[in-house]
Amino acid sequence: MLLVTFSGLSQAQESTVETDFNRDIKKFTREKFVVGEDASSGSDYLIYKNKTQIVKMRIIWSGCCRPPEVTDIYFENGAPVLYAELLLTKKQFKSYVNGSNLPLKATKKLYFKNSKLVTWIENGKIMPATDPKWAQAEKDAFERAKSELETYPTLKDN
């Protein structure tokens, strides 16, 4: 029997990030922040912490003219281990900004190990490490994760 893994992680290893989080969710404290962009749009931040360490950030952007956008970023020791973009309907919006943790359909998942992209799943399809967009996807997700983590002190101060 031949077992093939893509880019260093098996499907079982990938799911442990979310499974571990959901298993331990009651151990975490949750903080909520709302940041307005203008009169019709803004972001809700749900920050999950294990003592002083941020383990997950859920950023829910909403506006008048587009469906809400959800980004989940999971961290381990201050480094991103999973960056996910998820679909959310306006109908689901209220329960998710209040902390619902029911599964959402992912459009993009990027798994990191040692600050390097190891698995990229786009619309359910595993992208090969040879994809010409691999390096840019890695850079964009990593920089967004880093930027959101750096935003946290500002959220707390406001």
C-alpha atoms as a PDB file:
ATOM      1  CA  MET A   1       0.000   0.000   0.000  1.00  0.00           C
ATOM      2  CA  LEU A   2       1.338   3.446  -0.932  1.00  0.00           C
ATOM      3  CA  LEU A   3       0.465   6.391   1.272  1.00  0.00           C
ATOM      4  CA  VAL A   4       0.966   9.752  -0.348  1.00  0.00           C
ATOM      5  CA  THR A   5       1.184  12.996   1.586  1.00  0.00           C
ATOM      6  CA  PHE A   6       1.219  16.395   0.012  1.00  0.00           C
ATOM      7  CA  SER A   7       3.834  18.928   1.021  1.00  0.00           C
ATOM      8  CA  GLY A   8       4.723  17.165   4.243  1.00  0.00           C
ATOM      9  CA  LEU A   9       1.383  16.873   6.074  1.00  0.00           C
ATOM     10  CA  SER A  10      -1.213  14.136   5.928  1.00  0.00           C
ATOM     11  CA  GLN A  11      -4.914  14.943   6.082  1.00  0.00           C
ATOM     12  CA  ALA A  12      -4.973  13.596   9.659  1.00  0.00           C
ATOM     13  CA  GLN A  13      -2.208  15.983  10.735  1.00  0.00           C
ATOM     14  CA  GLU A  14      -3.944  18.927   9.074  1.00  0.00           C
ATOM     15  CA  SER A  15      -7.173  18.421  10.949  1.00  0.00           C
ATOM     16  CA  THR A  16      -5.435  18.305  14.339  1.00  0.00           C
ATOM     17  CA  VAL A  17      -5.031  22.101  14.455  1.00  0.00           C
ATOM     18  CA  GLU A  18      -8.779  22.625  14.452  1.00  0.00           C
ATOM     19  CA  THR A  19      -9.578  19.444  16.396  1.00  0.00           C
ATOM     20  CA  ASP A  20      -7.143  20.356  19.163  1.00  0.00           C
ATOM     21  CA  PHE A  21      -8.578  23.865  19.359  1.00  0.00           C
ATOM     22  CA  ASN A  22     -12.177  22.619  19.552  1.00  0.00           C
ATOM     23  CA  ARG A  23     -11.238  20.011  22.163  1.00  0.00           C
ATOM     24  CA  ASP A  24      -9.561  22.632  24.364  1.00  0.00           C
ATOM     25  CA  ILE A  25     -11.902  25.586  23.699  1.00  0.00           C
ATOM     26  CA  LYS A  26     -13.222  25.643  27.265  1.00  0.00           C
ATOM     27  CA  LYS A  27      -9.671  26.237  28.547  1.00  0.00           C
ATOM     28  CA  PHE A  28      -9.349  29.445  26.541  1.00  0.00           C
ATOM     29  CA  THR A  29     -10.509  32.925  27.405  1.00  0.00           C
ATOM     30  CA  ARG A  30     -12.261  34.854  24.654  1.00  0.00           C
ATOM     31  CA  GLU A  31     -12.062  38.560  24.032  1.00  0.00           C
ATOM     32  CA  LYS A  32     -14.234  40.437  21.564  1.00  0.00           C
ATOM     33  CA  PHE A  33     -13.467  43.708  19.826  1.00  0.00           C
ATOM     34  CA  VAL A  34     -15.428  45.661  17.213  1.00  0.00           C
ATOM     35  CA  VAL A  35     -13.632  47.978  14.815  1.00  0.00           C
ATOM     36  CA  GLY A  36     -15.670  50.205  12.503  1.00  0.00           C
ATOM     37  CA  GLU A  37     -14.329  51.237   9.127  1.00  0.00           C
ATOM     38  CA  ASP A  38     -17.180  53.547   8.229  1.00  0.00           C
ATOM     39  CA  ALA A  39     -20.932  53.781   8.849  1.00  0.00           C
ATOM     40  CA  SER A  40     -21.672  50.603   6.896  1.00  0.00           C
ATOM     41  CA  SER A  41     -18.699  48.279   7.414  1.00  0.00           C
ATOM     42  CA  GLY A  42     -16.322  46.991  10.040  1.00  0.00           C
ATOM     43  CA  SER A  43     -14.703  43.974  11.661  1.00  0.00           C
ATOM     44  CA  ASP A  44     -15.472  41.874  14.692  1.00  0.00           C
ATOM     45  CA  TYR A  45     -12.437  40.251  16.303  1.00  0.00           C
ATOM     46  CA  LEU A  46     -12.794  37.162  18.471  1.00  0.00           C
ATOM     47  CA  ILE A  47      -9.485  36.455  20.205  1.00  0.00           C
ATOM     48  CA  TYR A  48      -8.965  33.121  21.972  1.00  0.00           C
ATOM     49  CA  LYS A  49      -6.132  32.974  24.487  1.00  0.00           C
ATOM     50  CA  ASN A  50      -4.464  30.315  26.581  1.00  0.00           C
ATOM     51  CA  LYS A  51      -3.278  32.443  29.496  1.00  0.00           C
ATOM     52  CA  THR A  52      -1.346  35.203  27.676  1.00  0.00           C
ATOM     53  CA  GLN A  53      -0.794  33.357  24.366  1.00  0.00           C
ATOM     54  CA  ILE A  54      -3.165  34.008  21.468  1.00  0.00           C
ATOM     55  CA  VAL A  55      -4.156  30.636  20.014  1.00  0.00           C
ATOM     56  CA  LYS A  56      -6.795  31.800  17.528  1.00  0.00           C
ATOM     57  CA  MET A  57      -8.057  34.990  15.970  1.00  0.00           C
ATOM     58  CA  ARG A  58     -11.369  35.028  14.135  1.00  0.00           C
ATOM     59  CA  ILE A  59     -11.845  38.197  12.111  1.00  0.00           C
ATOM     60  CA  ILE A  60     -15.325  38.747  10.687  1.00  0.00           C
ATOM     61  CA  TRP A  61     -15.602  41.624   8.258  1.00  0.00           C
ATOM     62  CA  SER A  62     -19.063  42.817   7.294  1.00  0.00           C
ATOM     63  CA  GLY A  63     -20.382  45.533   5.054  1.00  0.00           C
ATOM     64  CA  CYS A  64     -23.579  46.534   3.345  1.00  0.00           C
ATOM     65  CA  CYS A  65     -22.840  45.378  -0.188  1.00  0.00           C
ATOM     66  CA  ARG A  66     -21.049  42.007   0.175  1.00  0.00           C
ATOM     67  CA  PRO A  67     -21.456  38.864   2.219  1.00  0.00           C
ATOM     68  CA  PRO A  68     -19.444  38.768   5.451  1.00  0.00           C
ATOM     69  CA  GLU A  69     -15.841  37.518   5.195  1.00  0.00           C
ATOM     70  CA  VAL A  70     -14.342  35.295   7.899  1.00  0.00           C
ATOM     71  CA  THR A  71     -10.655  34.694   8.468  1.00  0.00           C
ATOM     72  CA  ASP A  72      -9.476  32.250  11.119  1.00  0.00           C
ATOM     73  CA  ILE A  73      -5.826  32.300  12.114  1.00  0.00           C
ATOM     74  CA  TYR A  74      -4.482  29.701  14.534  1.00  0.00           C
ATOM     75  CA  PHE A  75      -1.194  30.332  16.336  1.00  0.00           C
ATOM     76  CA  GLU A  76       1.331  28.225  18.183  1.00  0.00           C
ATOM     77  CA  ASN A  77       3.969  30.070  20.215  1.00  0.00           C
ATOM     78  CA  GLY A  78       3.195  33.290  18.336  1.00  0.00           C
ATOM     79  CA  ALA A  79       3.599  31.792  14.853  1.00  0.00           C
ATOM     80  CA  PRO A  80       0.720  30.965  12.495  1.00  0.00           C
ATOM     81  CA  VAL A  81      -0.023  27.269  12.005  1.00  0.00           C
ATOM     82  CA  LEU A  82      -3.278  27.644  10.049  1.00  0.00           C
ATOM     83  CA  TYR A  83      -4.743  30.483   8.021  1.00  0.00           C
ATOM     84  CA  ALA A  84      -8.288  29.877   6.770  1.00  0.00           C
ATOM     85  CA  GLU A  85     -10.809  31.894   4.776  1.00  0.00           C
ATOM     86  CA  LEU A  86     -14.393  30.796   5.374  1.00  0.00           C
ATOM     87  CA  LEU A  87     -17.849  31.407   3.928  1.00  0.00           C
ATOM     88  CA  LEU A  88     -20.481  33.039   6.120  1.00  0.00           C
ATOM     89  CA  THR A  89     -23.967  34.175   5.187  1.00  0.00           C
ATOM     90  CA  LYS A  90     -25.588  37.334   6.540  1.00  0.00           C
ATOM     91  CA  LYS A  91     -28.076  35.052   8.279  1.00  0.00           C
ATOM     92  CA  GLN A  92     -25.256  33.310  10.198  1.00  0.00           C
ATOM     93  CA  PHE A  93     -23.463  36.555  11.026  1.00  0.00           C
ATOM     94  CA  LYS A  94     -24.995  37.329  14.440  1.00  0.00           C
ATOM     95  CA  SER A  95     -24.355  33.880  15.931  1.00  0.00           C
ATOM     96  CA  TYR A  96     -20.725  33.900  14.740  1.00  0.00           C
ATOM     97  CA  VAL A  97     -19.859  37.348  16.087  1.00  0.00           C
ATOM     98  CA  ASN A  98     -21.274  36.100  19.390  1.00  0.00           C
ATOM     99  CA  GLY A  99     -18.820  33.186  19.382  1.00  0.00           C
ATOM    100  CA  SER A 100     -20.538  30.295  17.592  1.00  0.00           C
ATOM    101  CA  ASN A 101     -17.952  27.688  16.736  1.00  0.00           C
ATOM    102  CA  LEU A 102     -20.012  25.583  14.355  1.00  0.00           C
ATOM    103  CA  PRO A 103     -18.053  24.588  11.248  1.00  0.00           C
ATOM    104  CA  LEU A 104     -18.054  26.870   8.227  1.00  0.00           C
ATOM    105  CA  LYS A 105     -17.158  25.942   4.664  1.00  0.00           C
ATOM    106  CA  ALA A 106     -13.549  26.847   3.937  1.00  0.00           C
ATOM    107  CA  THR A 107     -12.561  28.380   0.625  1.00  0.00           C
ATOM    108  CA  LYS A 108      -8.875  28.457   1.516  1.00  0.00           C
ATOM    109  CA  LYS A 109      -6.679  26.789   4.131  1.00  0.00           C
ATOM    110  CA  LEU A 110      -2.948  27.257   4.460  1.00  0.00           C
ATOM    111  CA  TYR A 111      -1.050  25.139   6.983  1.00  0.00           C
ATOM    112  CA  PHE A 112       2.322  26.283   8.283  1.00  0.00           C
ATOM    113  CA  LYS A 113       5.134  24.455  10.010  1.00  0.00           C
ATOM    114  CA  ASN A 114       8.213  26.342  11.218  1.00  0.00           C
ATOM    115  CA  SER A 115       6.831  29.490   9.519  1.00  0.00           C
ATOM    116  CA  LYS A 116       6.756  27.772   6.107  1.00  0.00           C
ATOM    117  CA  LEU A 117       3.691  26.827   4.085  1.00  0.00           C
ATOM    118  CA  VAL A 118       3.418  23.039   3.995  1.00  0.00           C
ATOM    119  CA  THR A 119      -0.138  22.466   2.730  1.00  0.00           C
ATOM    120  CA  TRP A 120      -2.454  24.712   0.756  1.00  0.00           C
ATOM    121  CA  ILE A 121      -6.060  23.747   0.103  1.00  0.00           C
ATOM    122  CA  GLU A 122      -8.115  25.922  -2.234  1.00  0.00           C
ATOM    123  CA  ASN A 123     -11.838  25.140  -2.622  1.00  0.00           C
ATOM    124  CA  GLY A 124     -11.234  21.588  -1.396  1.00  0.00           C
ATOM    125  CA  LYS A 125      -8.339  20.927  -3.774  1.00  0.00           C
ATOM    126  CA  ILE A 126      -4.801  20.366  -2.470  1.00  0.00           C
ATOM    127  CA  MET A 127      -2.501  22.657  -4.375  1.00  0.00           C
ATOM    128  CA  PRO A 128       0.922  21.270  -5.326  1.00  0.00           C
ATOM    129  CA  ALA A 129       4.026  22.900  -3.881  1.00  0.00           C
ATOM    130  CA  THR A 130       5.095  23.443  -7.497  1.00  0.00           C
ATOM    131  CA  ASP A 131       2.132  25.792  -8.114  1.00  0.00           C
ATOM    132  CA  PRO A 132       3.542  29.122  -9.376  1.00  0.00           C
ATOM    133  CA  LYS A 133       1.368  30.979  -6.858  1.00  0.00           C
ATOM    134  CA  TRP A 134       2.684  28.976  -3.866  1.00  0.00           C
ATOM    135  CA  ALA A 135       5.269  31.522  -2.676  1.00  0.00           C
ATOM    136  CA  GLN A 136       2.827  34.434  -2.988  1.00  0.00           C
ATOM    137  CA  ALA A 137       0.076  32.545  -1.137  1.00  0.00           C
ATOM    138  CA  GLU A 138       2.566  31.741   1.633  1.00  0.00           C
ATOM    139  CA  LYS A 139       3.737  35.354   1.869  1.00  0.00           C
ATOM    140  CA  ASP A 140       0.230  36.869   1.823  1.00  0.00           C
ATOM    141  CA  ALA A 141      -1.177  34.551   4.510  1.00  0.00           C
ATOM    142  CA  PHE A 142       1.893  34.796   6.727  1.00  0.00           C
ATOM    143  CA  GLU A 143       1.993  38.600   6.504  1.00  0.00           C
ATOM    144  CA  ARG A 144      -1.752  38.888   7.213  1.00  0.00           C
ATOM    145  CA  ALA A 145      -1.365  36.609  10.252  1.00  0.00           C
ATOM    146  CA  LYS A 146       1.596  38.637  11.527  1.00  0.00           C
ATOM    147  CA  SER A 147      -0.252  41.917  10.918  1.00  0.00           C
ATOM    148  CA  GLU A 148      -3.363  40.757  12.778  1.00  0.00           C
ATOM    149  CA  LEU A 149      -1.272  39.559  15.712  1.00  0.00           C
ATOM    150  CA  GLU A 150       0.455  42.957  15.826  1.00  0.00           C
ATOM    151  CA  THR A 151      -2.985  44.647  15.792  1.00  0.00           C
ATOM    152  CA  TYR A 152      -4.025  42.978  19.056  1.00  0.00           C
ATOM    153  CA  PRO A 153      -2.426  45.524  21.462  1.00  0.00           C
ATOM    154  CA  THR A 154      -4.186  48.315  19.567  1.00  0.00           C
ATOM    155  CA  LEU A 155      -7.523  46.514  19.913  1.00  0.00           C
ATOM    156  CA  LYS A 156      -7.007  46.207  23.666  1.00  0.00           C
ATOM    157  CA  ASP A 157      -6.094  49.894  24.022  1.00  0.00           C
ATOM    158  CA  ASN A 158      -9.248  51.165  22.278  1.00  0.00           C
END
